[in-house]
């Protein structure tokens, strides 16, 4: 899939020139998130390739709820309601 067709604006930075582009693009966020994912993988003693998409979805959901100060259980049931009636 092309990221732009999914609604993402993919920005890049050329580290051979600078670690932050003139537009302010940098890789600090993804490096921080990736370190959290790696720690989660380590705690669970690895993930199988089959389980990886679901585990990453769960990680993203929990991270988003925490960032928005949402009640994770309430948000889960809201999603369950949407899926049930989809």
N, C-alpha and C. Protein backbone atom coordinates (compact mmCIF):
# COMPACT_ATOMS: atom_id res chain seq x y z
N UNK A 1 0.83 -1.19 0.00
CA UNK A 1 0.00 0.00 0.00
C UNK A 1 0.87 1.25 0.00
N UNK A 2 0.41 2.25 -0.67
CA UNK A 2 1.04 3.56 -0.65
C UNK A 2 0.51 4.31 0.58
N UNK A 3 1.40 4.85 1.39
CA UNK A 3 0.97 5.51 2.63
C UNK A 3 0.01 6.66 2.38
N UNK A 4 0.20 7.39 1.28
CA UNK A 4 -0.68 8.53 1.02
C UNK A 4 -2.11 8.08 0.74
N UNK A 5 -2.30 6.90 0.16
CA UNK A 5 -3.66 6.40 -0.09
C UNK A 5 -4.35 6.01 1.21
N UNK A 6 -3.57 5.80 2.26
CA UNK A 6 -4.13 5.46 3.57
C UNK A 6 -4.29 6.69 4.46
N UNK A 7 -4.03 7.88 3.90
CA UNK A 7 -4.22 9.12 4.64
C UNK A 7 -3.00 9.62 5.39
N UNK A 8 -1.84 9.02 5.13
CA UNK A 8 -0.61 9.44 5.81
C UNK A 8 0.19 10.38 4.93
N UNK A 9 0.85 11.32 5.55
CA UNK A 9 1.78 12.20 4.87
C UNK A 9 3.18 11.74 5.25
N UNK A 10 3.85 11.02 4.36
CA UNK A 10 5.16 10.43 4.65
C UNK A 10 6.25 11.46 4.40
N UNK A 11 6.93 11.85 5.47
CA UNK A 11 8.02 12.81 5.38
C UNK A 11 9.33 12.07 5.60
N UNK A 12 10.41 12.62 5.06
CA UNK A 12 11.72 11.98 5.19
C UNK A 12 12.76 12.98 5.65
N UNK A 13 13.87 12.44 6.14
CA UNK A 13 15.02 13.26 6.50
C UNK A 13 16.26 12.53 5.99
N UNK A 14 17.19 13.29 5.42
CA UNK A 14 18.43 12.72 4.91
C UNK A 14 19.50 12.89 5.98
N UNK A 15 19.83 11.81 6.69
CA UNK A 15 20.78 11.90 7.80
C UNK A 15 22.20 12.20 7.35
N UNK A 16 22.51 12.04 6.08
CA UNK A 16 23.85 12.40 5.61
C UNK A 16 24.00 13.92 5.54
N UNK A 17 22.88 14.64 5.56
CA UNK A 17 22.91 16.10 5.53
C UNK A 17 22.67 16.67 6.93
N UNK A 18 21.64 16.16 7.60
CA UNK A 18 21.27 16.67 8.92
C UNK A 18 20.36 15.65 9.61
N UNK A 19 20.27 15.73 10.93
CA UNK A 19 19.37 14.83 11.65
C UNK A 19 17.97 15.40 11.78
N UNK A 20 17.80 16.67 11.41
CA UNK A 20 16.49 17.30 11.37
C UNK A 20 16.40 18.06 10.05
N UNK A 21 15.33 17.82 9.28
CA UNK A 21 15.19 18.51 8.00
C UNK A 21 14.79 19.96 8.22
N UNK A 22 14.83 20.75 7.16
CA UNK A 22 14.42 22.15 7.24
C UNK A 22 12.95 22.27 7.65
N UNK A 23 12.15 21.24 7.36
CA UNK A 23 10.73 21.24 7.72
C UNK A 23 10.51 20.77 9.16
N UNK A 24 11.58 20.39 9.86
CA UNK A 24 11.46 19.92 11.23
C UNK A 24 11.24 18.43 11.35
N UNK A 25 11.40 17.69 10.26
CA UNK A 25 11.22 16.24 10.27
C UNK A 25 12.42 15.59 10.94
N UNK A 26 12.16 14.64 11.85
CA UNK A 26 13.24 13.89 12.51
C UNK A 26 12.74 12.49 12.82
N UNK A 27 13.61 11.65 13.33
CA UNK A 27 13.24 10.25 13.59
C UNK A 27 13.16 9.93 15.08
N UNK A 28 13.18 10.93 15.93
CA UNK A 28 13.17 10.68 17.37
C UNK A 28 11.92 9.94 17.83
N UNK A 29 10.76 10.29 17.29
CA UNK A 29 9.51 9.66 17.71
C UNK A 29 9.50 8.17 17.37
N UNK A 30 9.82 7.83 16.12
CA UNK A 30 9.77 6.43 15.73
C UNK A 30 10.83 5.62 16.48
N UNK A 31 11.98 6.22 16.74
CA UNK A 31 13.01 5.50 17.49
C UNK A 31 12.55 5.23 18.92
N UNK A 32 11.85 6.18 19.52
CA UNK A 32 11.32 5.99 20.87
C UNK A 32 10.23 4.93 20.91
N UNK A 33 9.33 4.98 19.93
CA UNK A 33 8.25 3.99 19.86
C UNK A 33 8.84 2.61 19.61
N UNK A 34 9.81 2.52 18.69
CA UNK A 34 10.41 1.22 18.38
C UNK A 34 11.09 0.63 19.62
N UNK A 35 11.71 1.46 20.45
CA UNK A 35 12.34 0.93 21.66
C UNK A 35 11.28 0.36 22.62
N UNK A 36 10.09 0.98 22.67
CA UNK A 36 9.00 0.46 23.49
C UNK A 36 8.50 -0.88 22.95
N UNK A 37 8.38 -0.97 21.62
CA UNK A 37 7.93 -2.23 21.00
C UNK A 37 8.94 -3.33 21.27
N UNK A 38 10.23 -3.03 21.11
CA UNK A 38 11.26 -4.04 21.37
C UNK A 38 11.21 -4.52 22.81
N UNK A 39 10.98 -3.60 23.74
CA UNK A 39 10.88 -3.98 25.16
C UNK A 39 9.68 -4.90 25.38
N UNK A 40 8.57 -4.61 24.72
CA UNK A 40 7.37 -5.44 24.85
C UNK A 40 7.62 -6.83 24.27
N UNK A 41 8.32 -6.90 23.15
CA UNK A 41 8.65 -8.19 22.55
C UNK A 41 9.52 -9.00 23.51
N UNK A 42 10.49 -8.33 24.13
CA UNK A 42 11.40 -9.01 25.05
C UNK A 42 10.64 -9.57 26.26
N UNK A 43 9.72 -8.79 26.81
CA UNK A 43 8.93 -9.22 27.97
C UNK A 43 8.13 -10.47 27.64
N UNK A 44 7.62 -10.54 26.41
CA UNK A 44 6.80 -11.68 25.99
C UNK A 44 7.63 -12.78 25.35
N UNK A 45 8.94 -12.68 25.46
CA UNK A 45 9.86 -13.68 24.91
C UNK A 45 9.66 -13.88 23.42
N UNK A 46 9.45 -12.79 22.71
CA UNK A 46 9.30 -12.83 21.26
C UNK A 46 7.86 -13.03 20.82
N UNK A 47 7.61 -12.69 19.57
CA UNK A 47 6.31 -12.88 18.96
C UNK A 47 6.50 -13.70 17.70
N UNK A 48 5.52 -14.50 17.36
CA UNK A 48 5.58 -15.21 16.09
C UNK A 48 5.17 -14.25 14.98
N UNK A 49 5.55 -14.55 13.76
CA UNK A 49 5.17 -13.71 12.62
C UNK A 49 3.65 -13.62 12.50
N UNK A 50 2.98 -14.70 12.85
CA UNK A 50 1.51 -14.74 12.79
C UNK A 50 0.90 -13.77 13.81
N UNK A 51 1.51 -13.66 14.97
CA UNK A 51 0.97 -12.82 16.05
C UNK A 51 1.36 -11.35 15.94
N UNK A 52 2.38 -11.04 15.16
CA UNK A 52 2.93 -9.69 15.11
C UNK A 52 1.89 -8.61 14.78
N UNK A 53 1.08 -8.75 13.72
CA UNK A 53 0.11 -7.68 13.42
C UNK A 53 -0.84 -7.39 14.58
N UNK A 54 -1.37 -8.42 15.21
CA UNK A 54 -2.29 -8.23 16.34
C UNK A 54 -1.60 -7.61 17.54
N UNK A 55 -0.38 -8.03 17.81
CA UNK A 55 0.37 -7.46 18.94
C UNK A 55 0.67 -5.98 18.70
N UNK A 56 1.03 -5.63 17.46
CA UNK A 56 1.29 -4.23 17.14
C UNK A 56 0.01 -3.40 17.22
N UNK A 57 -1.11 -3.98 16.80
CA UNK A 57 -2.40 -3.29 16.94
C UNK A 57 -2.72 -3.03 18.41
N UNK A 58 -2.50 -4.03 19.24
CA UNK A 58 -2.76 -3.89 20.67
C UNK A 58 -1.85 -2.81 21.27
N UNK A 59 -0.58 -2.84 20.91
CA UNK A 59 0.37 -1.84 21.40
C UNK A 59 -0.10 -0.43 20.99
N UNK A 60 -0.49 -0.28 19.72
CA UNK A 60 -0.93 1.03 19.23
C UNK A 60 -2.19 1.51 19.95
N UNK A 61 -3.14 0.60 20.15
CA UNK A 61 -4.38 0.94 20.84
C UNK A 61 -4.11 1.41 22.26
N UNK A 62 -3.29 0.65 22.99
CA UNK A 62 -2.98 1.01 24.37
C UNK A 62 -2.22 2.34 24.43
N UNK A 63 -1.30 2.54 23.50
CA UNK A 63 -0.51 3.77 23.48
C UNK A 63 -1.41 4.98 23.18
N UNK A 64 -2.33 4.81 22.23
CA UNK A 64 -3.24 5.89 21.87
C UNK A 64 -4.17 6.23 23.04
N UNK A 65 -4.70 5.23 23.72
CA UNK A 65 -5.56 5.47 24.88
C UNK A 65 -4.81 6.23 25.96
N UNK A 66 -3.58 5.82 26.20
CA UNK A 66 -2.78 6.49 27.23
C UNK A 66 -2.51 7.94 26.84
N UNK A 67 -2.17 8.18 25.58
CA UNK A 67 -1.86 9.54 25.12
C UNK A 67 -3.08 10.45 25.22
N UNK A 68 -4.27 9.89 25.00
CA UNK A 68 -5.50 10.68 25.06
C UNK A 68 -6.16 10.66 26.44
N UNK A 69 -5.52 10.01 27.40
CA UNK A 69 -6.06 9.88 28.76
C UNK A 69 -7.44 9.21 28.74
N UNK A 70 -7.61 8.25 27.82
CA UNK A 70 -8.87 7.51 27.71
C UNK A 70 -8.87 6.31 28.65
N UNK A 71 -10.06 5.90 29.04
CA UNK A 71 -10.23 4.67 29.80
C UNK A 71 -10.17 3.52 28.80
N UNK A 72 -9.15 2.69 28.91
CA UNK A 72 -8.90 1.65 27.91
C UNK A 72 -10.05 0.66 27.81
N UNK A 73 -10.68 0.32 28.92
CA UNK A 73 -11.81 -0.63 28.90
C UNK A 73 -13.00 -0.01 28.18
N UNK A 74 -13.30 1.25 28.49
CA UNK A 74 -14.41 1.94 27.84
C UNK A 74 -14.16 2.06 26.34
N UNK A 75 -12.95 2.42 25.95
CA UNK A 75 -12.62 2.54 24.53
C UNK A 75 -12.72 1.19 23.82
N UNK A 76 -12.31 0.12 24.50
CA UNK A 76 -12.42 -1.21 23.92
C UNK A 76 -13.88 -1.56 23.64
N UNK A 77 -14.77 -1.28 24.60
CA UNK A 77 -16.18 -1.59 24.41
C UNK A 77 -16.81 -0.71 23.33
N UNK A 78 -16.36 0.52 23.19
CA UNK A 78 -16.84 1.37 22.09
C UNK A 78 -16.47 0.74 20.75
N UNK A 79 -15.23 0.27 20.63
CA UNK A 79 -14.80 -0.39 19.39
C UNK A 79 -15.57 -1.68 19.16
N UNK A 80 -15.78 -2.43 20.21
CA UNK A 80 -16.53 -3.68 20.10
C UNK A 80 -17.94 -3.41 19.59
N UNK A 81 -18.56 -2.34 20.06
CA UNK A 81 -19.89 -1.95 19.61
C UNK A 81 -19.87 -1.62 18.12
N UNK A 82 -18.86 -0.88 17.67
CA UNK A 82 -18.74 -0.52 16.25
C UNK A 82 -18.56 -1.77 15.40
N UNK A 83 -17.69 -2.66 15.83
CA UNK A 83 -17.43 -3.89 15.07
C UNK A 83 -18.67 -4.78 15.03
N UNK A 84 -19.39 -4.85 16.13
CA UNK A 84 -20.59 -5.68 16.21
C UNK A 84 -21.64 -5.24 15.20
N UNK A 85 -21.77 -3.94 15.01
CA UNK A 85 -22.79 -3.42 14.11
C UNK A 85 -22.26 -3.12 12.72
N UNK A 86 -21.03 -3.47 12.44
CA UNK A 86 -20.44 -3.24 11.13
C UNK A 86 -20.89 -4.30 10.22
